[in-house]
Amino acid sequence: MKRKKYVYWQDGNMWLGYLEEYPDYRTQGESLEELKENLKDIYKELTSGSVPCVRKVAELELA
């Protein structure tokens, strides 16, 4: 099972968030569980190749 980190917060009655690796692609849900399901859907779309020019965050090791 893969694990992905995500950032989330509550704004009023809605939960908002994004996958840490893909900060440009945010989603929301009326509950935390709905937000998690929406994040899973976004991950599937972003990794399927159906979304052009997907921007990601990576880590660079410097000496």
N, C-alpha and C. Protein backbone atom coordinates (compact mmCIF):
# COMPACT_ATOMS: atom_id res chain seq x y z
N MET A 1 0.84 -1.19 0.00
CA MET A 1 0.00 0.00 0.00
C MET A 1 0.88 1.25 0.00
N LYS A 2 0.63 2.14 -0.93
CA LYS A 2 1.37 3.40 -0.99
C LYS A 2 0.82 4.38 0.04
N ARG A 3 1.70 5.25 0.49
CA ARG A 3 1.29 6.32 1.40
C ARG A 3 1.78 7.64 0.81
N LYS A 4 0.94 8.64 0.87
CA LYS A 4 1.28 9.97 0.38
C LYS A 4 0.92 10.98 1.47
N LYS A 5 1.80 11.93 1.68
CA LYS A 5 1.52 12.99 2.65
C LYS A 5 0.60 14.02 2.01
N TYR A 6 -0.26 14.59 2.84
CA TYR A 6 -1.14 15.66 2.36
C TYR A 6 -1.25 16.74 3.42
N VAL A 7 -1.58 17.92 2.97
CA VAL A 7 -1.77 19.08 3.82
C VAL A 7 -3.26 19.37 3.82
N TYR A 8 -3.83 19.63 4.99
CA TYR A 8 -5.26 19.91 5.04
C TYR A 8 -5.59 20.90 6.15
N TRP A 9 -6.76 21.52 6.01
CA TRP A 9 -7.24 22.47 7.00
C TRP A 9 -8.75 22.61 6.85
N GLN A 10 -9.36 23.12 7.89
CA GLN A 10 -10.80 23.35 7.87
C GLN A 10 -11.05 24.83 7.69
N ASP A 11 -11.95 25.16 6.79
CA ASP A 11 -12.34 26.54 6.53
C ASP A 11 -13.86 26.59 6.60
N GLY A 12 -14.37 27.06 7.69
CA GLY A 12 -15.82 27.05 7.88
C GLY A 12 -16.30 25.61 7.99
N ASN A 13 -17.25 25.23 7.14
CA ASN A 13 -17.79 23.87 7.15
C ASN A 13 -17.07 22.94 6.20
N MET A 14 -16.08 23.43 5.48
CA MET A 14 -15.40 22.61 4.46
C MET A 14 -13.99 22.25 4.90
N TRP A 15 -13.53 21.09 4.44
CA TRP A 15 -12.15 20.65 4.62
C TRP A 15 -11.44 20.81 3.28
N LEU A 16 -10.30 21.47 3.28
CA LEU A 16 -9.54 21.71 2.07
C LEU A 16 -8.17 21.04 2.20
N GLY A 17 -7.59 20.67 1.05
CA GLY A 17 -6.28 20.06 1.14
C GLY A 17 -5.66 19.78 -0.22
N TYR A 18 -4.40 19.34 -0.17
CA TYR A 18 -3.67 18.98 -1.38
C TYR A 18 -2.61 17.95 -1.01
N LEU A 19 -2.19 17.20 -1.99
CA LEU A 19 -1.10 16.25 -1.80
C LEU A 19 0.21 17.02 -1.73
N GLU A 20 1.04 16.71 -0.77
CA GLU A 20 2.29 17.44 -0.58
C GLU A 20 3.14 17.45 -1.85
N GLU A 21 3.11 16.38 -2.59
CA GLU A 21 3.89 16.25 -3.82
C GLU A 21 3.33 17.09 -4.97
N TYR A 22 2.04 17.42 -4.90
CA TYR A 22 1.35 18.16 -5.96
C TYR A 22 0.61 19.36 -5.36
N PRO A 23 1.31 20.38 -4.90
CA PRO A 23 0.64 21.48 -4.19
C PRO A 23 -0.27 22.36 -5.06
N ASP A 24 -0.15 22.26 -6.37
CA ASP A 24 -0.97 23.09 -7.25
C ASP A 24 -2.38 22.54 -7.43
N TYR A 25 -2.63 21.33 -6.94
CA TYR A 25 -3.90 20.66 -7.21
C TYR A 25 -4.65 20.45 -5.89
N ARG A 26 -5.52 21.39 -5.57
CA ARG A 26 -6.26 21.36 -4.31
C ARG A 26 -7.65 20.78 -4.52
N THR A 27 -8.21 20.27 -3.42
CA THR A 27 -9.57 19.77 -3.45
C THR A 27 -10.22 20.07 -2.11
N GLN A 28 -11.48 19.68 -1.98
CA GLN A 28 -12.21 19.95 -0.75
C GLN A 28 -13.22 18.85 -0.49
N GLY A 29 -13.77 18.86 0.71
CA GLY A 29 -14.81 17.91 1.08
C GLY A 29 -15.62 18.46 2.23
N GLU A 30 -16.83 17.97 2.38
CA GLU A 30 -17.68 18.40 3.48
C GLU A 30 -17.28 17.71 4.79
N SER A 31 -16.48 16.65 4.68
CA SER A 31 -15.94 15.97 5.86
C SER A 31 -14.49 15.61 5.56
N LEU A 32 -13.76 15.25 6.60
CA LEU A 32 -12.37 14.86 6.41
C LEU A 32 -12.29 13.59 5.57
N GLU A 33 -13.21 12.67 5.76
CA GLU A 33 -13.23 11.44 4.97
C GLU A 33 -13.49 11.73 3.49
N GLU A 34 -14.41 12.66 3.21
CA GLU A 34 -14.68 13.03 1.81
C GLU A 34 -13.46 13.69 1.19
N LEU A 35 -12.77 14.52 1.95
CA LEU A 35 -11.54 15.15 1.46
C LEU A 35 -10.51 14.08 1.10
N LYS A 36 -10.33 13.08 1.96
CA LYS A 36 -9.37 12.01 1.69
C LYS A 36 -9.72 11.26 0.41
N GLU A 37 -10.99 10.98 0.20
CA GLU A 37 -11.42 10.30 -1.03
C GLU A 37 -11.13 11.17 -2.25
N ASN A 38 -11.38 12.47 -2.14
CA ASN A 38 -11.11 13.39 -3.25
C ASN A 38 -9.61 13.48 -3.54
N LEU A 39 -8.79 13.42 -2.50
CA LEU A 39 -7.34 13.44 -2.69
C LEU A 39 -6.88 12.17 -3.41
N LYS A 40 -7.48 11.03 -3.08
CA LYS A 40 -7.16 9.79 -3.78
C LYS A 40 -7.53 9.88 -5.26
N ASP A 41 -8.68 10.49 -5.54
CA ASP A 41 -9.11 10.67 -6.93
C ASP A 41 -8.14 11.56 -7.69
N ILE A 42 -7.71 12.65 -7.07
CA ILE A 42 -6.75 13.56 -7.72
C ILE A 42 -5.45 12.83 -8.00
N TYR A 43 -4.98 12.03 -7.04
CA TYR A 43 -3.73 11.29 -7.24
C TYR A 43 -3.85 10.36 -8.44
N LYS A 44 -4.96 9.65 -8.55
CA LYS A 44 -5.17 8.75 -9.69
C LYS A 44 -5.12 9.52 -11.00
N GLU A 45 -5.79 10.68 -11.06
CA GLU A 45 -5.79 11.49 -12.28
C GLU A 45 -4.40 12.01 -12.62
N LEU A 46 -3.68 12.52 -11.62
CA LEU A 46 -2.37 13.11 -11.86
C LEU A 46 -1.33 12.09 -12.28
N THR A 47 -1.47 10.87 -11.81
CA THR A 47 -0.48 9.84 -12.14
C THR A 47 -0.89 8.99 -13.35
N SER A 48 -2.08 9.22 -13.87
CA SER A 48 -2.56 8.42 -15.01
C SER A 48 -2.01 8.92 -16.35
N GLY A 49 -1.51 10.15 -16.37
CA GLY A 49 -1.03 10.73 -17.63
C GLY A 49 -2.10 11.47 -18.38
N SER A 50 -3.32 11.52 -17.84
CA SER A 50 -4.41 12.20 -18.54
C SER A 50 -4.39 13.72 -18.32
N VAL A 51 -3.66 14.19 -17.32
CA VAL A 51 -3.54 15.62 -17.06
C VAL A 51 -2.20 16.09 -17.62
N PRO A 52 -2.22 17.02 -18.59
CA PRO A 52 -0.95 17.48 -19.18
C PRO A 52 -0.20 18.44 -18.26
N CYS A 53 1.10 18.43 -18.38
CA CYS A 53 1.98 19.40 -17.70
C CYS A 53 1.81 19.42 -16.18
N VAL A 54 1.76 18.26 -15.56
CA VAL A 54 1.61 18.18 -14.12
C VAL A 54 2.90 18.65 -13.45
N ARG A 55 2.76 19.61 -12.53
CA ARG A 55 3.92 20.12 -11.80
C ARG A 55 4.01 19.39 -10.47
N LYS A 56 5.23 19.00 -10.08
CA LYS A 56 5.47 18.26 -8.85
C LYS A 56 6.49 18.99 -8.00
N VAL A 57 6.57 18.60 -6.75
CA VAL A 57 7.60 19.08 -5.84
C VAL A 57 8.56 17.92 -5.60
N ALA A 58 9.84 18.21 -5.65
CA ALA A 58 10.87 17.20 -5.41
C ALA A 58 11.91 17.77 -4.47
N GLU A 59 12.83 16.93 -4.04
CA GLU A 59 13.89 17.36 -3.13
C GLU A 59 15.22 17.18 -3.82
N LEU A 60 16.06 18.18 -3.71
CA LEU A 60 17.38 18.18 -4.33
C LEU A 60 18.43 18.11 -3.24
N GLU A 61 19.35 17.19 -3.37
CA GLU A 61 20.43 17.07 -2.38
C GLU A 61 21.61 17.93 -2.81
N LEU A 62 22.06 18.80 -1.93
CA LEU A 62 23.19 19.70 -2.22
C LEU A 62 24.35 19.37 -1.30
N ALA A 63 25.54 19.55 -1.84
CA ALA A 63 26.75 19.27 -1.05
C ALA A 63 27.09 20.43 -0.16
